[in-house]
Amino acid sequence: MTWRPALSRGVVLRHDRVRGTDLLLLPERVVVLRGSAGPVLRLCDGTRAVDDVVAELGERHPGAPVADEVPDFLDTLRKEGWLA
């Protein structure tokens, strides 16, 4: 994929130290991220294509099904309007 995902305007990724989890702050809404969602979204800065994100995560987590799961995850967030 040539899409270079980045957080949409008005969407902010924050780490909540009290809860020990990552959050997506949206206008009038907060989404609690679970598992590796936060680290995946930190790579979505508009400079990396989806394939680059998958490759980097594959290097960090050998054997994990990132090639199967990450593109679908990012596409879902794009459909929600949270990624541009």
N, C-alpha and C. Protein backbone atom coordinates (compact mmCIF):
# COMPACT_ATOMS: atom_id res chain seq x y z
N MET A 1 0.84 -1.19 0.00
CA MET A 1 0.00 0.00 0.00
C MET A 1 0.88 1.25 0.00
N THR A 2 0.44 2.27 -0.71
CA THR A 2 1.20 3.51 -0.73
C THR A 2 0.65 4.55 0.23
N TRP A 3 -0.47 4.25 0.86
CA TRP A 3 -1.05 5.15 1.84
C TRP A 3 -0.08 5.35 3.01
N ARG A 4 0.12 6.58 3.40
CA ARG A 4 1.00 6.94 4.51
C ARG A 4 0.12 7.45 5.65
N PRO A 5 -0.32 6.53 6.52
CA PRO A 5 -1.29 6.92 7.55
C PRO A 5 -0.71 7.91 8.57
N ALA A 6 -1.59 8.80 8.98
CA ALA A 6 -1.28 9.77 10.03
C ALA A 6 -2.58 10.03 10.78
N LEU A 7 -2.47 10.42 12.03
CA LEU A 7 -3.67 10.76 12.79
C LEU A 7 -4.41 11.90 12.11
N SER A 8 -5.72 11.78 12.08
CA SER A 8 -6.55 12.82 11.47
C SER A 8 -6.49 14.09 12.31
N ARG A 9 -6.84 15.17 11.69
CA ARG A 9 -6.87 16.45 12.39
C ARG A 9 -7.81 16.35 13.58
N GLY A 10 -7.37 16.81 14.72
CA GLY A 10 -8.18 16.78 15.92
C GLY A 10 -8.06 15.50 16.73
N VAL A 11 -7.29 14.53 16.23
CA VAL A 11 -7.07 13.27 16.94
C VAL A 11 -5.68 13.30 17.55
N VAL A 12 -5.59 12.99 18.84
CA VAL A 12 -4.32 13.04 19.55
C VAL A 12 -4.09 11.71 20.25
N LEU A 13 -2.87 11.20 20.13
CA LEU A 13 -2.47 9.97 20.82
C LEU A 13 -1.73 10.37 22.09
N ARG A 14 -2.20 9.87 23.23
CA ARG A 14 -1.58 10.17 24.53
C ARG A 14 -1.43 8.89 25.33
N HIS A 15 -0.43 8.89 26.19
CA HIS A 15 -0.27 7.78 27.13
C HIS A 15 -0.78 8.23 28.49
N ASP A 16 -1.70 7.47 29.05
CA ASP A 16 -2.24 7.76 30.38
C ASP A 16 -1.43 6.97 31.40
N ARG A 17 -0.58 7.67 32.13
CA ARG A 17 0.28 7.00 33.12
C ARG A 17 -0.52 6.38 34.26
N VAL A 18 -1.62 6.99 34.62
CA VAL A 18 -2.44 6.47 35.71
C VAL A 18 -3.02 5.11 35.34
N ARG A 19 -3.58 5.01 34.15
CA ARG A 19 -4.17 3.75 33.68
C ARG A 19 -3.13 2.82 33.08
N GLY A 20 -1.99 3.36 32.71
CA GLY A 20 -0.96 2.56 32.07
C GLY A 20 -1.35 2.10 30.68
N THR A 21 -2.08 2.96 29.96
CA THR A 21 -2.52 2.60 28.62
C THR A 21 -2.49 3.82 27.71
N ASP A 22 -2.57 3.55 26.42
CA ASP A 22 -2.61 4.63 25.44
C ASP A 22 -4.06 5.00 25.15
N LEU A 23 -4.26 6.27 24.83
CA LEU A 23 -5.58 6.80 24.54
C LEU A 23 -5.56 7.57 23.24
N LEU A 24 -6.66 7.49 22.51
CA LEU A 24 -6.88 8.39 21.38
C LEU A 24 -7.87 9.44 21.87
N LEU A 25 -7.46 10.67 21.85
CA LEU A 25 -8.33 11.77 22.25
C LEU A 25 -8.95 12.35 21.00
N LEU A 26 -10.28 12.26 20.95
CA LEU A 26 -11.05 12.76 19.81
C LEU A 26 -11.95 13.87 20.31
N PRO A 27 -12.46 14.69 19.42
CA PRO A 27 -13.41 15.70 19.88
C PRO A 27 -14.59 15.01 20.60
N GLU A 28 -14.77 15.35 21.87
CA GLU A 28 -15.86 14.86 22.70
C GLU A 28 -15.86 13.34 22.90
N ARG A 29 -14.70 12.71 22.76
CA ARG A 29 -14.63 11.26 22.92
C ARG A 29 -13.21 10.83 23.25
N VAL A 30 -13.09 9.78 24.04
CA VAL A 30 -11.79 9.20 24.35
C VAL A 30 -11.88 7.71 24.04
N VAL A 31 -10.90 7.20 23.31
CA VAL A 31 -10.85 5.78 22.97
C VAL A 31 -9.66 5.18 23.70
N VAL A 32 -9.91 4.18 24.53
CA VAL A 32 -8.85 3.47 25.24
C VAL A 32 -8.29 2.41 24.30
N LEU A 33 -7.00 2.49 24.04
CA LEU A 33 -6.34 1.53 23.14
C LEU A 33 -5.81 0.36 23.95
N ARG A 34 -5.93 -0.80 23.39
CA ARG A 34 -5.49 -2.02 24.07
C ARG A 34 -4.35 -2.68 23.30
N GLY A 35 -3.60 -3.49 24.01
CA GLY A 35 -2.54 -4.26 23.37
C GLY A 35 -1.51 -3.37 22.70
N SER A 36 -1.19 -3.70 21.48
CA SER A 36 -0.13 -2.99 20.76
C SER A 36 -0.66 -1.86 19.88
N ALA A 37 -1.91 -1.46 20.06
CA ALA A 37 -2.49 -0.42 19.21
C ALA A 37 -1.72 0.90 19.31
N GLY A 38 -1.34 1.31 20.51
CA GLY A 38 -0.60 2.56 20.69
C GLY A 38 0.73 2.56 19.97
N PRO A 39 1.57 1.53 20.20
CA PRO A 39 2.84 1.49 19.47
C PRO A 39 2.68 1.46 17.94
N VAL A 40 1.63 0.81 17.45
CA VAL A 40 1.38 0.81 16.01
C VAL A 40 1.06 2.22 15.55
N LEU A 41 0.19 2.90 16.27
CA LEU A 41 -0.20 4.25 15.87
C LEU A 41 0.93 5.26 15.99
N ARG A 42 1.88 5.02 16.88
CA ARG A 42 3.03 5.93 16.98
C ARG A 42 3.86 5.91 15.70
N LEU A 43 3.79 4.82 14.96
CA LEU A 43 4.52 4.73 13.69
C LEU A 43 3.76 5.42 12.55
N CYS A 44 2.53 5.79 12.80
CA CYS A 44 1.69 6.42 11.76
C CYS A 44 1.84 7.93 11.84
N ASP A 45 2.95 8.41 11.30
CA ASP A 45 3.26 9.83 11.37
C ASP A 45 3.20 10.52 10.01
N GLY A 46 2.69 9.80 9.01
CA GLY A 46 2.56 10.37 7.67
C GLY A 46 3.81 10.23 6.82
N THR A 47 4.90 9.72 7.39
CA THR A 47 6.13 9.55 6.61
C THR A 47 6.32 8.12 6.14
N ARG A 48 5.68 7.17 6.81
CA ARG A 48 5.83 5.75 6.47
C ARG A 48 4.57 5.24 5.76
N ALA A 49 4.79 4.47 4.70
CA ALA A 49 3.68 3.77 4.06
C ALA A 49 3.29 2.59 4.96
N VAL A 50 2.12 2.04 4.74
CA VAL A 50 1.65 0.90 5.53
C VAL A 50 2.66 -0.24 5.48
N ASP A 51 3.22 -0.50 4.31
CA ASP A 51 4.22 -1.57 4.19
C ASP A 51 5.44 -1.30 5.06
N ASP A 52 5.82 -0.04 5.18
CA ASP A 52 6.95 0.32 6.04
C ASP A 52 6.62 0.10 7.52
N VAL A 53 5.40 0.44 7.90
CA VAL A 53 4.96 0.21 9.28
C VAL A 53 4.99 -1.28 9.58
N VAL A 54 4.45 -2.07 8.66
CA VAL A 54 4.43 -3.54 8.83
C VAL A 54 5.85 -4.08 8.92
N ALA A 55 6.75 -3.61 8.07
CA ALA A 55 8.14 -4.09 8.08
C ALA A 55 8.82 -3.75 9.40
N GLU A 56 8.63 -2.54 9.88
CA GLU A 56 9.26 -2.15 11.14
C GLU A 56 8.72 -2.97 12.31
N LEU A 57 7.42 -3.17 12.34
CA LEU A 57 6.83 -3.98 13.41
C LEU A 57 7.27 -5.44 13.30
N GLY A 58 7.43 -5.93 12.08
CA GLY A 58 7.91 -7.29 11.88
C GLY A 58 9.32 -7.49 12.41
N GLU A 59 10.15 -6.46 12.28
CA GLU A 59 11.51 -6.53 12.83
C GLU A 59 11.49 -6.50 14.36
N ARG A 60 10.60 -5.70 14.91
CA ARG A 60 10.50 -5.58 16.37
C ARG A 60 9.90 -6.83 17.02
N HIS A 61 8.99 -7.47 16.27
CA HIS A 61 8.24 -8.61 16.82
C HIS A 61 8.27 -9.78 15.84
N PRO A 62 9.42 -10.43 15.70
CA PRO A 62 9.51 -11.55 14.76
C PRO A 62 8.50 -12.64 15.11
N GLY A 63 7.87 -13.15 14.09
CA GLY A 63 6.91 -14.23 14.28
C GLY A 63 5.49 -13.75 14.57
N ALA A 64 5.32 -12.48 14.88
CA ALA A 64 3.97 -11.95 15.12
C ALA A 64 3.27 -11.75 13.77
N PRO A 65 1.95 -11.92 13.73
CA PRO A 65 1.21 -11.83 12.46
C PRO A 65 0.93 -10.39 12.02
N VAL A 66 1.95 -9.55 12.06
CA VAL A 66 1.74 -8.13 11.75
C VAL A 66 1.30 -7.91 10.31
N ALA A 67 1.81 -8.68 9.37
CA ALA A 67 1.45 -8.49 7.97
C ALA A 67 -0.03 -8.78 7.73
N ASP A 68 -0.60 -9.66 8.53
CA ASP A 68 -2.02 -9.99 8.39
C ASP A 68 -2.92 -9.02 9.14
N GLU A 69 -2.48 -8.56 10.30
CA GLU A 69 -3.35 -7.79 11.19
C GLU A 69 -3.24 -6.28 11.07
N VAL A 70 -2.04 -5.76 10.89
CA VAL A 70 -1.83 -4.31 10.93
C VAL A 70 -2.55 -3.58 9.80
N PRO A 71 -2.45 -4.02 8.54
CA PRO A 71 -3.18 -3.29 7.49
C PRO A 71 -4.69 -3.23 7.73
N ASP A 72 -5.28 -4.32 8.21
CA ASP A 72 -6.72 -4.31 8.50
C ASP A 72 -7.04 -3.37 9.65
N PHE A 73 -6.20 -3.38 10.68
CA PHE A 73 -6.39 -2.49 11.83
C PHE A 73 -6.34 -1.03 11.37
N LEU A 74 -5.33 -0.67 10.58
CA LEU A 74 -5.20 0.71 10.12
C LEU A 74 -6.36 1.09 9.21
N ASP A 75 -6.80 0.18 8.37
CA ASP A 75 -7.93 0.45 7.49
C ASP A 75 -9.21 0.70 8.30
N THR A 76 -9.40 -0.06 9.37
CA THR A 76 -10.56 0.13 10.23
C THR A 76 -10.53 1.52 10.87
N LEU A 77 -9.36 1.93 11.34
CA LEU A 77 -9.25 3.26 11.94
C LEU A 77 -9.45 4.36 10.90
N ARG A 78 -9.02 4.09 9.68
CA ARG A 78 -9.24 5.06 8.61
C ARG A 78 -10.73 5.21 8.33
N LYS A 79 -11.46 4.10 8.30
CA LYS A 79 -12.90 4.15 8.08
C LYS A 79 -13.63 4.88 9.21
N GLU A 80 -13.10 4.80 10.42
CA GLU A 80 -13.66 5.53 11.56
C GLU A 80 -13.38 7.03 11.45
N GLY A 81 -12.42 7.39 10.61
CA GLY A 81 -12.04 8.79 10.46
C GLY A 81 -10.94 9.22 11.39
N TRP A 82 -10.30 8.27 12.06
CA TRP A 82 -9.26 8.58 13.02
C TRP A 82 -7.88 8.67 12.39
N LEU A 83 -7.74 8.11 11.20
CA LEU A 83 -6.49 8.20 10.43
C LEU A 83 -6.79 8.85 9.09
N ALA A 84 -5.84 9.63 8.63
CA ALA A 84 -5.97 10.27 7.31
C ALA A 84 -5.01 9.60 6.35
